[in-house]
Amino acid sequence: MHEIGVVRSMVKTVTAFAEANRIAEITEIVVDVGELSLVIPKYVEDIYPHVVEDTFLKDTKLVLNVIPGMAECDECNEVFNVIEHKGYCPHCGSFEKTILTGKDFLIREIHVPE
């Protein structure tokens, strides 16, 4: 389960950002998790409270946006969901594709109280 390392890295990044910008409280962290990123959102949700329990982020809400794994077929240019179609183009059946979205794990937003 590599998600614990991913969550720890995210917390380290958010903490460094908060320190650099003299932010004492963060209310919400919004993260994009790509379907093709090999990060399982449920594991991230389960691990997050344990990773932040002794930090200033302990009361921070974590919001995960799952980004579909989309690709363009190199043969016919059809855009399709890789997971839904098991990696094959639904139009021509080709396995050759260029991934467009869904490979990233990205901190999208950090919310602070007003």
N, C-alpha and C. Protein backbone atom coordinates (compact mmCIF):
# COMPACT_ATOMS: atom_id res chain seq x y z
N MET A 1 0.85 -1.17 0.00
CA MET A 1 0.00 0.00 0.00
C MET A 1 0.90 1.24 0.00
N HIS A 2 1.11 1.81 -1.18
CA HIS A 2 1.95 2.99 -1.30
C HIS A 2 1.20 4.28 -0.99
N GLU A 3 -0.09 4.19 -0.77
CA GLU A 3 -0.88 5.39 -0.49
C GLU A 3 -0.41 6.12 0.76
N ILE A 4 0.12 5.40 1.74
CA ILE A 4 0.58 6.08 2.95
C ILE A 4 1.73 7.04 2.62
N GLY A 5 2.61 6.64 1.73
CA GLY A 5 3.70 7.52 1.30
C GLY A 5 3.18 8.71 0.52
N VAL A 6 2.18 8.49 -0.30
CA VAL A 6 1.57 9.56 -1.08
C VAL A 6 0.91 10.58 -0.14
N VAL A 7 0.18 10.08 0.85
CA VAL A 7 -0.50 10.97 1.81
C VAL A 7 0.53 11.73 2.64
N ARG A 8 1.56 11.05 3.10
CA ARG A 8 2.61 11.74 3.88
C ARG A 8 3.28 12.84 3.05
N SER A 9 3.55 12.56 1.80
CA SER A 9 4.14 13.57 0.92
C SER A 9 3.21 14.75 0.72
N MET A 10 1.92 14.48 0.54
CA MET A 10 0.93 15.55 0.39
C MET A 10 0.89 16.41 1.64
N VAL A 11 0.88 15.78 2.81
CA VAL A 11 0.85 16.52 4.08
C VAL A 11 2.12 17.37 4.23
N LYS A 12 3.24 16.84 3.85
CA LYS A 12 4.51 17.58 3.92
C LYS A 12 4.46 18.80 3.00
N THR A 13 3.91 18.63 1.80
CA THR A 13 3.78 19.74 0.85
C THR A 13 2.85 20.82 1.38
N VAL A 14 1.70 20.42 1.90
CA VAL A 14 0.72 21.37 2.44
C VAL A 14 1.30 22.10 3.65
N THR A 15 1.99 21.37 4.52
CA THR A 15 2.60 21.97 5.71
C THR A 15 3.67 22.98 5.31
N ALA A 16 4.50 22.64 4.35
CA ALA A 16 5.53 23.58 3.88
C ALA A 16 4.90 24.83 3.28
N PHE A 17 3.82 24.65 2.52
CA PHE A 17 3.11 25.80 1.95
C PHE A 17 2.56 26.70 3.05
N ALA A 18 1.94 26.08 4.06
CA ALA A 18 1.36 26.84 5.17
C ALA A 18 2.44 27.61 5.93
N GLU A 19 3.56 26.96 6.20
CA GLU A 19 4.66 27.63 6.91
C GLU A 19 5.23 28.78 6.09
N ALA A 20 5.44 28.56 4.81
CA ALA A 20 6.01 29.60 3.93
C ALA A 20 5.09 30.81 3.81
N ASN A 21 3.78 30.58 3.94
CA ASN A 21 2.81 31.67 3.79
C ASN A 21 2.18 32.10 5.11
N ARG A 22 2.76 31.64 6.23
CA ARG A 22 2.30 31.99 7.57
C ARG A 22 0.81 31.73 7.76
N ILE A 23 0.39 30.56 7.34
CA ILE A 23 -1.00 30.14 7.47
C ILE A 23 -1.10 29.24 8.70
N ALA A 24 -1.93 29.64 9.65
CA ALA A 24 -2.04 28.90 10.91
C ALA A 24 -3.13 27.83 10.88
N GLU A 25 -4.08 27.96 9.95
CA GLU A 25 -5.19 27.00 9.90
C GLU A 25 -5.60 26.75 8.46
N ILE A 26 -5.84 25.51 8.17
CA ILE A 26 -6.36 25.09 6.86
C ILE A 26 -7.64 24.32 7.13
N THR A 27 -8.71 24.68 6.41
CA THR A 27 -9.99 24.02 6.65
C THR A 27 -10.25 22.86 5.71
N GLU A 28 -9.68 22.93 4.50
CA GLU A 28 -9.98 21.91 3.50
C GLU A 28 -8.85 21.80 2.50
N ILE A 29 -8.58 20.56 2.09
CA ILE A 29 -7.61 20.29 1.04
C ILE A 29 -8.35 19.53 -0.05
N VAL A 30 -8.28 20.04 -1.28
CA VAL A 30 -8.93 19.40 -2.42
C VAL A 30 -7.85 18.78 -3.29
N VAL A 31 -8.02 17.49 -3.56
CA VAL A 31 -7.01 16.74 -4.30
C VAL A 31 -7.66 16.05 -5.50
N ASP A 32 -6.98 16.09 -6.64
CA ASP A 32 -7.40 15.34 -7.82
C ASP A 32 -6.64 14.02 -7.85
N VAL A 33 -7.37 12.92 -7.95
CA VAL A 33 -6.76 11.60 -8.03
C VAL A 33 -7.17 10.98 -9.37
N GLY A 34 -6.22 10.78 -10.24
CA GLY A 34 -6.51 10.18 -11.53
C GLY A 34 -6.80 8.70 -11.44
N GLU A 35 -7.75 8.23 -12.24
CA GLU A 35 -8.08 6.80 -12.27
C GLU A 35 -6.88 5.94 -12.66
N LEU A 36 -5.95 6.51 -13.40
CA LEU A 36 -4.80 5.76 -13.87
C LEU A 36 -3.54 6.03 -13.05
N SER A 37 -3.69 6.72 -11.93
CA SER A 37 -2.54 7.11 -11.11
C SER A 37 -2.02 5.99 -10.22
N LEU A 38 -2.75 4.90 -10.13
CA LEU A 38 -2.42 3.77 -9.25
C LEU A 38 -2.59 4.12 -7.77
N VAL A 39 -3.24 5.25 -7.49
CA VAL A 39 -3.57 5.63 -6.11
C VAL A 39 -5.06 5.33 -5.92
N ILE A 40 -5.37 4.58 -4.88
CA ILE A 40 -6.75 4.19 -4.61
C ILE A 40 -7.38 5.20 -3.65
N PRO A 41 -8.37 5.97 -4.15
CA PRO A 41 -8.98 7.03 -3.34
C PRO A 41 -9.47 6.57 -1.97
N LYS A 42 -10.08 5.40 -1.88
CA LYS A 42 -10.60 4.90 -0.60
C LYS A 42 -9.47 4.73 0.41
N TYR A 43 -8.32 4.25 -0.04
CA TYR A 43 -7.18 4.09 0.86
C TYR A 43 -6.68 5.45 1.34
N VAL A 44 -6.66 6.44 0.45
CA VAL A 44 -6.23 7.79 0.82
C VAL A 44 -7.18 8.33 1.89
N GLU A 45 -8.48 8.18 1.68
CA GLU A 45 -9.47 8.65 2.66
C GLU A 45 -9.28 7.97 4.01
N ASP A 46 -9.01 6.68 3.99
CA ASP A 46 -8.85 5.92 5.24
C ASP A 46 -7.57 6.27 5.98
N ILE A 47 -6.50 6.52 5.24
CA ILE A 47 -5.18 6.77 5.84
C ILE A 47 -5.03 8.22 6.33
N TYR A 48 -5.63 9.15 5.61
CA TYR A 48 -5.45 10.58 5.89
C TYR A 48 -5.64 10.95 7.37
N PRO A 49 -6.75 10.57 8.02
CA PRO A 49 -6.92 10.97 9.43
C PRO A 49 -5.79 10.48 10.34
N HIS A 50 -5.24 9.33 10.06
CA HIS A 50 -4.16 8.78 10.89
C HIS A 50 -2.84 9.53 10.67
N VAL A 51 -2.60 9.94 9.43
CA VAL A 51 -1.36 10.67 9.12
C VAL A 51 -1.37 12.06 9.74
N VAL A 52 -2.54 12.70 9.80
CA VAL A 52 -2.62 14.08 10.29
C VAL A 52 -3.05 14.20 11.75
N GLU A 53 -3.28 13.09 12.44
CA GLU A 53 -3.86 13.15 13.78
C GLU A 53 -3.05 13.95 14.80
N ASP A 54 -1.75 14.03 14.65
CA ASP A 54 -0.92 14.81 15.59
C ASP A 54 -0.35 16.07 14.95
N THR A 55 -1.03 16.60 13.93
CA THR A 55 -0.55 17.78 13.23
C THR A 55 -1.61 18.88 13.27
N PHE A 56 -1.25 20.05 12.79
CA PHE A 56 -2.21 21.15 12.75
C PHE A 56 -3.29 20.90 11.70
N LEU A 57 -3.16 19.86 10.91
CA LEU A 57 -4.16 19.52 9.88
C LEU A 57 -5.21 18.54 10.38
N LYS A 58 -5.18 18.21 11.66
CA LYS A 58 -6.06 17.15 12.18
C LYS A 58 -7.55 17.41 11.97
N ASP A 59 -7.97 18.67 11.90
CA ASP A 59 -9.39 18.98 11.69
C ASP A 59 -9.69 19.39 10.25
N THR A 60 -8.73 19.20 9.38
CA THR A 60 -8.87 19.59 7.98
C THR A 60 -9.67 18.54 7.22
N LYS A 61 -10.61 19.01 6.41
CA LYS A 61 -11.40 18.12 5.57
C LYS A 61 -10.62 17.82 4.30
N LEU A 62 -10.61 16.55 3.89
CA LEU A 62 -9.97 16.15 2.65
C LEU A 62 -11.05 15.83 1.62
N VAL A 63 -10.98 16.49 0.47
CA VAL A 63 -11.93 16.27 -0.62
C VAL A 63 -11.17 15.67 -1.79
N LEU A 64 -11.61 14.51 -2.25
CA LEU A 64 -10.97 13.84 -3.37
C LEU A 64 -11.85 13.91 -4.61
N ASN A 65 -11.28 14.42 -5.70
CA ASN A 65 -11.96 14.42 -6.99
C ASN A 65 -11.31 13.33 -7.84
N VAL A 66 -12.08 12.36 -8.27
CA VAL A 66 -11.54 11.31 -9.13
C VAL A 66 -11.62 11.79 -10.58
N ILE A 67 -10.45 11.83 -11.22
CA ILE A 67 -10.35 12.31 -12.60
C ILE A 67 -10.34 11.10 -13.53
N PRO A 68 -11.28 11.05 -14.47
CA PRO A 68 -11.36 9.90 -15.37
C PRO A 68 -10.08 9.71 -16.18
N GLY A 69 -9.75 8.45 -16.41
CA GLY A 69 -8.59 8.12 -17.25
C GLY A 69 -9.01 8.10 -18.70
N MET A 70 -8.79 9.19 -19.38
CA MET A 70 -9.21 9.33 -20.78
C MET A 70 -8.01 9.21 -21.71
N ALA A 71 -8.27 8.65 -22.90
CA ALA A 71 -7.22 8.48 -23.89
C ALA A 71 -7.78 8.77 -25.28
N GLU A 72 -6.86 9.03 -26.21
CA GLU A 72 -7.22 9.20 -27.61
C GLU A 72 -6.60 8.04 -28.38
N CYS A 73 -7.41 7.36 -29.17
CA CYS A 73 -6.93 6.24 -29.97
C CYS A 73 -5.95 6.76 -31.03
N ASP A 74 -4.80 6.11 -31.12
CA ASP A 74 -3.78 6.50 -32.11
C ASP A 74 -4.18 6.09 -33.53
N GLU A 75 -5.13 5.19 -33.66
CA GLU A 75 -5.56 4.70 -34.97
C GLU A 75 -6.71 5.52 -35.56
N CYS A 76 -7.75 5.80 -34.74
CA CYS A 76 -8.95 6.46 -35.29
C CYS A 76 -9.29 7.78 -34.60
N ASN A 77 -8.48 8.20 -33.61
CA ASN A 77 -8.67 9.47 -32.89
C ASN A 77 -9.89 9.52 -31.97
N GLU A 78 -10.52 8.38 -31.71
CA GLU A 78 -11.65 8.31 -30.77
C GLU A 78 -11.14 8.60 -29.36
N VAL A 79 -11.86 9.43 -28.61
CA VAL A 79 -11.53 9.69 -27.21
C VAL A 79 -12.41 8.78 -26.36
N PHE A 80 -11.78 8.06 -25.41
CA PHE A 80 -12.53 7.07 -24.63
C PHE A 80 -11.95 6.93 -23.22
N ASN A 81 -12.78 6.35 -22.33
CA ASN A 81 -12.36 6.09 -20.96
C ASN A 81 -11.61 4.76 -20.94
N VAL A 82 -10.35 4.80 -20.52
CA VAL A 82 -9.48 3.64 -20.55
C VAL A 82 -10.00 2.51 -19.66
N ILE A 83 -10.43 2.84 -18.44
CA ILE A 83 -10.91 1.84 -17.50
C ILE A 83 -12.19 1.19 -18.02
N GLU A 84 -13.12 2.02 -18.42
CA GLU A 84 -14.43 1.54 -18.88
C GLU A 84 -14.30 0.58 -20.06
N HIS A 85 -13.33 0.84 -20.94
CA HIS A 85 -13.18 0.04 -22.15
C HIS A 85 -11.98 -0.91 -22.09
N LYS A 86 -11.47 -1.14 -20.87
CA LYS A 86 -10.37 -2.10 -20.64
C LYS A 86 -9.14 -1.82 -21.51
N GLY A 87 -8.91 -0.54 -21.81
CA GLY A 87 -7.71 -0.14 -22.55
C GLY A 87 -7.84 -0.15 -24.05
N TYR A 88 -8.92 -0.72 -24.56
CA TYR A 88 -9.11 -0.81 -26.01
C TYR A 88 -10.07 0.27 -26.51
N CYS A 89 -9.83 0.75 -27.70
CA CYS A 89 -10.72 1.74 -28.32
C CYS A 89 -12.07 1.09 -28.61
N PRO A 90 -13.16 1.71 -28.16
CA PRO A 90 -14.49 1.14 -28.41
C PRO A 90 -14.93 1.28 -29.87
N HIS A 91 -14.24 2.14 -30.60
CA HIS A 91 -14.62 2.37 -32.00
C HIS A 91 -13.94 1.40 -32.96
N CYS A 92 -12.61 1.24 -32.82
CA CYS A 92 -11.88 0.40 -33.78
C CYS A 92 -11.20 -0.82 -33.15
N GLY A 93 -11.19 -0.90 -31.80
CA GLY A 93 -10.60 -2.04 -31.13
C GLY A 93 -9.10 -1.97 -30.92
N SER A 94 -8.48 -0.90 -31.33
CA SER A 94 -7.02 -0.76 -31.17
C SER A 94 -6.65 -0.57 -29.71
N PHE A 95 -5.49 -1.09 -29.34
CA PHE A 95 -4.95 -0.90 -27.99
C PHE A 95 -3.98 0.29 -27.96
N GLU A 96 -3.61 0.80 -29.12
CA GLU A 96 -2.67 1.93 -29.23
C GLU A 96 -3.39 3.23 -28.90
N LYS A 97 -2.87 3.94 -27.90
CA LYS A 97 -3.56 5.14 -27.44
C LYS A 97 -2.58 6.11 -26.82
N THR A 98 -3.01 7.36 -26.71
CA THR A 98 -2.28 8.41 -26.01
C THR A 98 -3.14 8.82 -24.82
N ILE A 99 -2.57 8.68 -23.62
CA ILE A 99 -3.31 9.04 -22.41
C ILE A 99 -3.45 10.56 -22.35
N LEU A 100 -4.67 11.02 -22.10
CA LEU A 100 -4.95 12.46 -22.02
C LEU A 100 -5.08 12.93 -20.57
N THR A 101 -5.82 12.20 -19.76
CA THR A 101 -6.05 12.59 -18.37
C THR A 101 -6.11 11.35 -17.49
N GLY A 102 -5.93 11.59 -16.18
CA GLY A 102 -6.16 10.54 -15.22
C GLY A 102 -4.92 9.89 -14.64
N LYS A 103 -3.73 10.42 -14.92
CA LYS A 103 -2.51 9.83 -14.39
C LYS A 103 -1.97 10.57 -13.17
N ASP A 104 -2.55 11.72 -12.86
CA ASP A 104 -1.98 12.59 -11.84
C ASP A 104 -2.58 12.40 -10.44
N PHE A 105 -1.80 12.80 -9.47
CA PHE A 105 -2.26 13.01 -8.10
C PHE A 105 -1.85 14.44 -7.80
N LEU A 106 -2.83 15.34 -7.68
CA LEU A 106 -2.55 16.77 -7.64
C LEU A 106 -3.30 17.46 -6.51
N ILE A 107 -2.58 18.26 -5.73
CA ILE A 107 -3.24 19.11 -4.74
C ILE A 107 -3.86 20.27 -5.52
N ARG A 108 -5.17 20.27 -5.63
CA ARG A 108 -5.89 21.26 -6.45
C ARG A 108 -6.09 22.57 -5.69
N GLU A 109 -6.53 22.49 -4.42
CA GLU A 109 -6.85 23.68 -3.64
C GLU A 109 -6.51 23.47 -2.18
N ILE A 110 -6.15 24.56 -1.53
CA ILE A 110 -5.96 24.59 -0.07
C ILE A 110 -6.82 25.72 0.43
N HIS A 111 -7.82 25.40 1.26
CA HIS A 111 -8.74 26.41 1.75
C HIS A 111 -8.35 26.84 3.16
N VAL A 112 -8.41 28.15 3.38
CA VAL A 112 -8.13 28.71 4.69
C VAL A 112 -9.38 29.45 5.17
N PRO A 113 -9.55 29.58 6.49
CA PRO A 113 -10.74 30.31 6.98
C PRO A 113 -10.67 31.78 6.59
N GLU A 114 -11.84 32.36 6.42
CA GLU A 114 -11.90 33.78 6.05
C GLU A 114 -11.86 34.67 7.27
